[in-house]
C-alpha atoms as a PDB file:
ATOM      1  CA  MET A   1       4.228 -41.039   3.383  1.00  0.00           C
ATOM      2  CA  ILE A   2       1.067 -38.964   3.838  1.00  0.00           C
ATOM      3  CA  THR A   3       2.784 -36.700   6.377  1.00  0.00           C
ATOM      4  CA  ASP A   4       5.526 -35.961   3.836  1.00  0.00           C
ATOM      5  CA  LEU A   5       2.895 -35.024   1.268  1.00  0.00           C
ATOM      6  CA  LEU A   6       1.094 -32.777   3.774  1.00  0.00           C
ATOM      7  CA  MET A   7       4.355 -31.061   4.714  1.00  0.00           C
ATOM      8  CA  ILE A   8       5.159 -30.415   1.047  1.00  0.00           C
ATOM      9  CA  LEU A   9       1.666 -28.979   0.507  1.00  0.00           C
ATOM     10  CA  LEU A  10       2.020 -26.787   3.610  1.00  0.00           C
ATOM     11  CA  VAL A  11       5.377 -25.424   2.440  1.00  0.00           C
ATOM     12  CA  MET A  12       3.933 -24.754  -1.029  1.00  0.00           C
ATOM     13  CA  PHE A  13       0.925 -22.954   0.488  1.00  0.00           C
ATOM     14  CA  ILE A  14       3.162 -20.740   2.648  1.00  0.00           C
ATOM     15  CA  ALA A  15       5.345 -19.946  -0.386  1.00  0.00           C
ATOM     16  CA  LEU A  16       2.234 -19.040  -2.394  1.00  0.00           C
ATOM     17  CA  LEU A  17       0.986 -16.708   0.350  1.00  0.00           C
ATOM     18  CA  PHE A  18       4.405 -15.026   0.556  1.00  0.00           C
ATOM     19  CA  TRP A  19       4.550 -14.623  -3.242  1.00  0.00           C
ATOM     20  CA  GLN A  20       1.040 -13.116  -3.381  1.00  0.00           C
ATOM     21  CA  GLN A  21       1.834 -10.688  -0.541  1.00  0.00           C
ATOM     22  CA  ARG A  22       5.010  -9.564  -2.342  1.00  0.00           C
ATOM     23  CA  ARG A  23       3.012  -9.062  -5.545  1.00  0.00           C
ATOM     24  CA  GLN A  24       0.424  -6.993  -3.673  1.00  0.00           C
ATOM     25  CA  SER A  25       3.177  -4.884  -2.071  1.00  0.00           C
ATOM     26  CA  GLU A  26       4.721  -4.142  -5.475  1.00  0.00           C
ATOM     27  CA  LEU A  27       1.336  -3.165  -6.923  1.00  0.00           C
ATOM     28  CA  ALA A  28       0.657  -0.974  -3.866  1.00  0.00           C
ATOM     29  CA  HIS A  29       3.982   0.809  -4.314  1.00  0.00           C
ATOM     30  CA  GLN A  30       3.232   1.442  -8.007  1.00  0.00           C
ATOM     31  CA  ALA A  31      -0.267   2.763  -7.195  1.00  0.00           C
ATOM     32  CA  ILE A  32       1.157   5.103  -4.548  1.00  0.00           C
ATOM     33  CA  LEU A  33       3.778   6.367  -6.996  1.00  0.00           C
ATOM     34  CA  ARG A  34       1.130   7.041  -9.661  1.00  0.00           C
ATOM     35  CA  HIS A  35      -1.185   8.810  -7.217  1.00  0.00           C
ATOM     36  CA  CYS A  36       1.574  11.019  -5.816  1.00  0.00           C
ATOM     37  CA  GLU A  37       2.853  11.794  -9.313  1.00  0.00           C
ATOM     38  CA  GLN A  38      -0.623  13.034 -10.279  1.00  0.00           C
ATOM     39  CA  LEU A  39      -0.584  15.339  -7.240  1.00  0.00           C
ATOM     40  CA  ASP A  40       3.021  16.458  -7.927  1.00  0.00           C
ATOM     41  CA  LEU A  41       4.312  14.870  -4.707  1.00  0.00           C
ATOM     42  CA  GLN A  42       7.515  12.991  -3.998  1.00  0.00           C
ATOM     43  CA  VAL A  43       7.202   9.525  -2.415  1.00  0.00           C
ATOM     44  CA  LEU A  44       9.736   8.927   0.349  1.00  0.00           C
ATOM     45  CA  SER A  45       8.789   5.440   1.593  1.00  0.00           C
ATOM     46  CA  THR A  46       6.017   2.840   1.568  1.00  0.00           C
ATOM     47  CA  SER A  47       5.230   0.033   3.989  1.00  0.00           C
ATOM     48  CA  LEU A  48       2.495  -2.411   4.907  1.00  0.00           C
ATOM     49  CA  LEU A  49       0.650  -1.030   7.922  1.00  0.00           C
ATOM     50  CA  ARG A  50      -1.772  -3.852   8.776  1.00  0.00           C
ATOM     51  CA  TYR A  51      -4.406  -6.283   7.573  1.00  0.00           C
ATOM     52  CA  LYS A  52      -7.996  -5.571   8.588  1.00  0.00           C
ATOM     53  CA  ILE A  53     -11.422  -7.119   8.098  1.00  0.00           C
ATOM     54  CA  LYS A  54     -13.708  -4.075   8.365  1.00  0.00           C
ATOM     55  CA  LEU A  55     -13.479  -1.184   5.884  1.00  0.00           C
ATOM     56  CA  PRO A  56     -13.683   2.433   7.127  1.00  0.00           C
ATOM     57  CA  ASP A  57     -17.221   2.732   5.728  1.00  0.00           C
ATOM     58  CA  GLY A  58     -18.375  -0.189   7.916  1.00  0.00           C
ATOM     59  CA  ARG A  59     -18.515  -2.948   5.306  1.00  0.00           C
ATOM     60  CA  TRP A  60     -16.918  -6.284   6.175  1.00  0.00           C
ATOM     61  CA  ARG A  61     -14.140  -7.013   3.686  1.00  0.00           C
ATOM     62  CA  PHE A  62     -10.601  -8.315   4.164  1.00  0.00           C
ATOM     63  CA  HIS A  63      -8.123  -5.638   3.034  1.00  0.00           C
ATOM     64  CA  SER A  64      -4.592  -4.350   3.501  1.00  0.00           C
ATOM     65  CA  GLN A  65      -3.596  -0.888   4.659  1.00  0.00           C
ATOM     66  CA  TYR A  66      -0.370   0.604   3.394  1.00  0.00           C
ATOM     67  CA  GLN A  67       1.321   3.637   4.883  1.00  0.00           C
ATOM     68  CA  PHE A  68       3.499   5.953   2.837  1.00  0.00           C
ATOM     69  CA  GLU A  69       5.512   9.083   3.462  1.00  0.00           C
ATOM     70  CA  PHE A  70       5.573  11.868   0.933  1.00  0.00           C
ATOM     71  CA  SER A  71       6.942  15.364   0.504  1.00  0.00           C
ATOM     72  CA  SER A  72       5.425  18.304  -1.320  1.00  0.00           C
ATOM     73  CA  ARG A  73       8.363  20.724  -1.249  1.00  0.00           C
ATOM     74  CA  GLY A  74      11.346  18.491  -0.574  1.00  0.00           C
ATOM     75  CA  ASP A  75      11.986  19.732   2.960  1.00  0.00           C
ATOM     76  CA  ASP A  76       8.833  18.393   4.630  1.00  0.00           C
ATOM     77  CA  CYS A  77       7.367  14.966   5.344  1.00  0.00           C
ATOM     78  CA  TYR A  78       3.756  13.787   5.610  1.00  0.00           C
ATOM     79  CA  GLN A  79       2.168  10.364   6.130  1.00  0.00           C
ATOM     80  CA  GLY A  80      -0.703   9.036   4.073  1.00  0.00           C
ATOM     81  CA  THR A  81      -2.519   5.696   3.906  1.00  0.00           C
ATOM     82  CA  MET A  82      -3.891   3.575   1.111  1.00  0.00           C
ATOM     83  CA  ILE A  83      -6.371   0.696   1.240  1.00  0.00           C
ATOM     84  CA  MET A  84      -5.955  -2.264  -1.094  1.00  0.00           C
ATOM     85  CA  ILE A  85      -8.588  -4.938  -1.623  1.00  0.00           C
ATOM     86  CA  GLY A  86      -6.924  -7.845  -3.335  1.00  0.00           C
ATOM     87  CA  PHE A  87      -4.684  -6.338  -5.997  1.00  0.00           C
ATOM     88  CA  LYS A  88      -6.659  -3.107  -6.438  1.00  0.00           C
ATOM     89  CA  ALA A  89      -5.979   0.225  -4.726  1.00  0.00           C
ATOM     90  CA  THR A  90      -9.352   1.501  -3.562  1.00  0.00           C
ATOM     91  CA  HIS A  91      -8.828   4.518  -1.298  1.00  0.00           C
ATOM     92  CA  PHE A  92      -6.110   7.055  -0.531  1.00  0.00           C
ATOM     93  CA  ARG A  93      -6.095   9.221   2.567  1.00  0.00           C
ATOM     94  CA  LEU A  94      -3.652  12.142   2.646  1.00  0.00           C
ATOM     95  CA  PRO A  95      -3.370  14.818   5.340  1.00  0.00           C
ATOM     96  CA  PRO A  96      -3.399  18.514   4.410  1.00  0.00           C
ATOM     97  CA  TYR A  97      -0.002  19.497   3.018  1.00  0.00           C
ATOM     98  CA  ARG A  98       1.681  22.628   1.714  1.00  0.00           C
ATOM     99  CA  MET A  99       1.476  23.080  -2.004  1.00  0.00           C
ATOM    100  CA  VAL A 100       4.357  24.317  -4.120  1.00  0.00           C
ATOM    101  CA  ASP A 101       3.907  27.480  -6.180  1.00  0.00           C
ATOM    102  CA  ASN A 102       5.489  26.932  -9.589  1.00  0.00           C
ATOM    103  CA  TYR A 103       4.890  30.466 -10.801  1.00  0.00           C
ATOM    104  CA  ASP A 104       7.783  32.510 -12.130  1.00  0.00           C
ATOM    105  CA  TYR A 105       7.389  36.203 -11.381  1.00  0.00           C
END
């Protein structure tokens, strides 16, 4: 009887973790889209890179790193990363990329 209850609780806990990770992934994708839209970039793909405990500035904090590919001109591809703590995007890291000139001469 108690083992059945523990198994049900374990399955519910695993389902909750999966649901929260999916929610975080959706929020990460939306944050990446907003950030790239502000920079006039096109998002090609997003994915979870890894979970880490130590932030790049040396503080100890559990966080997720997402990797995304973007294009600035449509014929190129660059990779950037984003750090999420909980459900909040905290830091974007983008490599140097070519900018598009939108001037009509």
